[in-house]
Amino acid sequence: MPYVLKHAESAELFACTLVNRYDLPYFGVKDWEDEEAAVREKAGFLEARGVGESSSWEVVPVTEMQLKLANVKLKNDPGRRVFLDEDGTLRLEKRG
């Protein structure tokens, strides 16, 4: 089960430019395969991306399908944001 970073107040999933297994950059939701690694790496990962308040982001589990759907909704576009509601619904917003 993948683990992602979810903003505690807004429910936004953390997305940024990542590199896939073919060494191609894409804009998507950062995920970890294991919860311990996600918790251990969270602060350094966010700091490296200029996010100062790592305590505002929590490590949460998602299904493989939710992760794939979140990345499909982002469409490799940094102008989009994806949110995970309490009921597991993913919703999309465009940045202003």
C-alpha atoms as a PDB file:
ATOM      1  CA  MET A   1       0.000   0.000   0.000  1.00  0.00           C
ATOM      2  CA  PRO A   2       1.456   3.383  -0.937  1.00  0.00           C
ATOM      3  CA  TYR A   3       1.804   6.237   1.538  1.00  0.00           C
ATOM      4  CA  VAL A   4       1.520   9.904   0.582  1.00  0.00           C
ATOM      5  CA  LEU A   5       1.644  13.304   2.268  1.00  0.00           C
ATOM      6  CA  LYS A   6      -1.698  14.965   2.970  1.00  0.00           C
ATOM      7  CA  HIS A   7      -2.040  18.500   4.268  1.00  0.00           C
ATOM      8  CA  ALA A   8      -3.850  18.331   7.608  1.00  0.00           C
ATOM      9  CA  GLU A   9      -6.029  21.413   7.033  1.00  0.00           C
ATOM     10  CA  SER A  10      -6.702  21.479   3.291  1.00  0.00           C
ATOM     11  CA  ALA A  11      -6.565  17.714   2.485  1.00  0.00           C
ATOM     12  CA  GLU A  12      -4.245  18.478  -0.470  1.00  0.00           C
ATOM     13  CA  LEU A  13      -1.917  15.661  -1.511  1.00  0.00           C
ATOM     14  CA  PHE A  14       1.695  16.765  -1.934  1.00  0.00           C
ATOM     15  CA  ALA A  15       2.603  16.843  -5.612  1.00  0.00           C
ATOM     16  CA  CYS A  16       5.817  18.025  -7.217  1.00  0.00           C
ATOM     17  CA  THR A  17       8.172  17.254 -10.073  1.00  0.00           C
ATOM     18  CA  LEU A  18       9.423  13.686  -9.739  1.00  0.00           C
ATOM     19  CA  VAL A  19      11.446  11.326 -11.930  1.00  0.00           C
ATOM     20  CA  ASN A  20       9.940   8.032 -13.090  1.00  0.00           C
ATOM     21  CA  ARG A  21      11.719   4.705 -13.513  1.00  0.00           C
ATOM     22  CA  TYR A  22      12.687   5.718 -17.076  1.00  0.00           C
ATOM     23  CA  ASP A  23      14.440   8.844 -15.745  1.00  0.00           C
ATOM     24  CA  LEU A  24      11.750  11.101 -17.215  1.00  0.00           C
ATOM     25  CA  PRO A  25      10.464  14.030 -15.152  1.00  0.00           C
ATOM     26  CA  TYR A  26       6.750  14.308 -14.422  1.00  0.00           C
ATOM     27  CA  PHE A  27       4.467  16.214 -12.051  1.00  0.00           C
ATOM     28  CA  GLY A  28       2.743  13.850  -9.648  1.00  0.00           C
ATOM     29  CA  VAL A  29       1.967  12.838  -6.095  1.00  0.00           C
ATOM     30  CA  LYS A  30       5.015  11.752  -4.098  1.00  0.00           C
ATOM     31  CA  ASP A  31       4.569   8.293  -2.600  1.00  0.00           C
ATOM     32  CA  TRP A  32       6.489   5.776  -0.538  1.00  0.00           C
ATOM     33  CA  GLU A  33       6.016   2.016  -0.413  1.00  0.00           C
ATOM     34  CA  ASP A  34       6.484   1.850   3.334  1.00  0.00           C
ATOM     35  CA  GLU A  35       5.098   3.968   6.137  1.00  0.00           C
ATOM     36  CA  GLU A  36       8.313   4.006   8.186  1.00  0.00           C
ATOM     37  CA  ALA A  37      10.311   5.373   5.249  1.00  0.00           C
ATOM     38  CA  ALA A  38       7.660   8.035   4.592  1.00  0.00           C
ATOM     39  CA  VAL A  39       7.684   9.173   8.215  1.00  0.00           C
ATOM     40  CA  ARG A  40      11.491   9.128   8.363  1.00  0.00           C
ATOM     41  CA  GLU A  41      11.988  11.029   5.063  1.00  0.00           C
ATOM     42  CA  LYS A  42       9.055  13.464   5.268  1.00  0.00           C
ATOM     43  CA  ALA A  43      10.786  16.455   6.898  1.00  0.00           C
ATOM     44  CA  GLY A  44      13.889  16.311   4.689  1.00  0.00           C
ATOM     45  CA  PHE A  45      11.836  15.773   1.548  1.00  0.00           C
ATOM     46  CA  LEU A  46       9.604  18.777   2.278  1.00  0.00           C
ATOM     47  CA  GLU A  47      12.531  20.959   3.331  1.00  0.00           C
ATOM     48  CA  ALA A  48      14.329  20.196   0.056  1.00  0.00           C
ATOM     49  CA  ARG A  49      11.242  21.481  -1.760  1.00  0.00           C
ATOM     50  CA  GLY A  50      11.007  24.694   0.237  1.00  0.00           C
ATOM     51  CA  VAL A  51       8.176  23.639   2.535  1.00  0.00           C
ATOM     52  CA  GLY A  52       8.995  24.874   6.015  1.00  0.00           C
ATOM     53  CA  GLU A  53       6.031  23.523   7.981  1.00  0.00           C
ATOM     54  CA  SER A  54       6.455  19.762   7.702  1.00  0.00           C
ATOM     55  CA  SER A  55       4.216  19.270  10.746  1.00  0.00           C
ATOM     56  CA  SER A  56       1.256  20.436   8.620  1.00  0.00           C
ATOM     57  CA  TRP A  57       1.663  17.358   6.411  1.00  0.00           C
ATOM     58  CA  GLU A  58       0.713  13.885   7.600  1.00  0.00           C
ATOM     59  CA  VAL A  59       1.633  10.504   6.174  1.00  0.00           C
ATOM     60  CA  VAL A  60      -1.513   8.659   5.071  1.00  0.00           C
ATOM     61  CA  PRO A  61      -2.145   5.382   3.255  1.00  0.00           C
ATOM     62  CA  VAL A  62      -3.912   5.349  -0.108  1.00  0.00           C
ATOM     63  CA  THR A  63      -4.838   2.546  -2.439  1.00  0.00           C
ATOM     64  CA  GLU A  64      -2.881   1.979  -5.643  1.00  0.00           C
ATOM     65  CA  MET A  65      -6.000   3.044  -7.549  1.00  0.00           C
ATOM     66  CA  GLN A  66      -6.298   6.326  -5.600  1.00  0.00           C
ATOM     67  CA  LEU A  67      -2.634   7.105  -6.287  1.00  0.00           C
ATOM     68  CA  LYS A  68      -2.971   6.365 -10.007  1.00  0.00           C
ATOM     69  CA  LEU A  69      -6.186   8.366 -10.254  1.00  0.00           C
ATOM     70  CA  ALA A  70      -4.601  11.324  -8.419  1.00  0.00           C
ATOM     71  CA  ASN A  71      -1.753  11.373 -10.946  1.00  0.00           C
ATOM     72  CA  VAL A  72      -4.180  11.076 -13.868  1.00  0.00           C
ATOM     73  CA  LYS A  73      -6.170  14.027 -12.494  1.00  0.00           C
ATOM     74  CA  LEU A  74      -2.970  16.113 -12.234  1.00  0.00           C
ATOM     75  CA  LYS A  75      -2.277  15.515 -15.953  1.00  0.00           C
ATOM     76  CA  ASN A  76       1.415  16.303 -15.430  1.00  0.00           C
ATOM     77  CA  ASP A  77       0.353  19.940 -14.864  1.00  0.00           C
ATOM     78  CA  PRO A  78       1.805  21.929 -11.926  1.00  0.00           C
ATOM     79  CA  GLY A  79      -1.199  24.250 -12.250  1.00  0.00           C
ATOM     80  CA  ARG A  80      -3.424  21.532 -10.795  1.00  0.00           C
ATOM     81  CA  ARG A  81      -3.908  20.403  -7.196  1.00  0.00           C
ATOM     82  CA  VAL A  82      -5.498  17.202  -5.993  1.00  0.00           C
ATOM     83  CA  PHE A  83      -7.274  16.704  -2.652  1.00  0.00           C
ATOM     84  CA  LEU A  84      -8.261  13.553  -0.768  1.00  0.00           C
ATOM     85  CA  ASP A  85     -11.496  14.017   1.147  1.00  0.00           C
ATOM     86  CA  GLU A  86     -12.319  12.050   4.297  1.00  0.00           C
ATOM     87  CA  ASP A  87     -14.586   9.683   2.368  1.00  0.00           C
ATOM     88  CA  GLY A  88     -11.718   8.784   0.004  1.00  0.00           C
ATOM     89  CA  THR A  89     -12.960  10.950  -2.863  1.00  0.00           C
ATOM     90  CA  LEU A  90     -10.325  12.704  -4.949  1.00  0.00           C
ATOM     91  CA  ARG A  91     -11.121  16.196  -6.170  1.00  0.00           C
ATOM     92  CA  LEU A  92      -9.181  18.520  -8.401  1.00  0.00           C
ATOM     93  CA  GLU A  93      -8.629  22.277  -8.341  1.00  0.00           C
ATOM     94  CA  LYS A  94      -6.697  24.503 -10.689  1.00  0.00           C
ATOM     95  CA  ARG A  95      -4.264  26.954  -9.155  1.00  0.00           C
ATOM     96  CA  GLY A  96      -5.310  30.569  -9.541  1.00  0.00           C
END
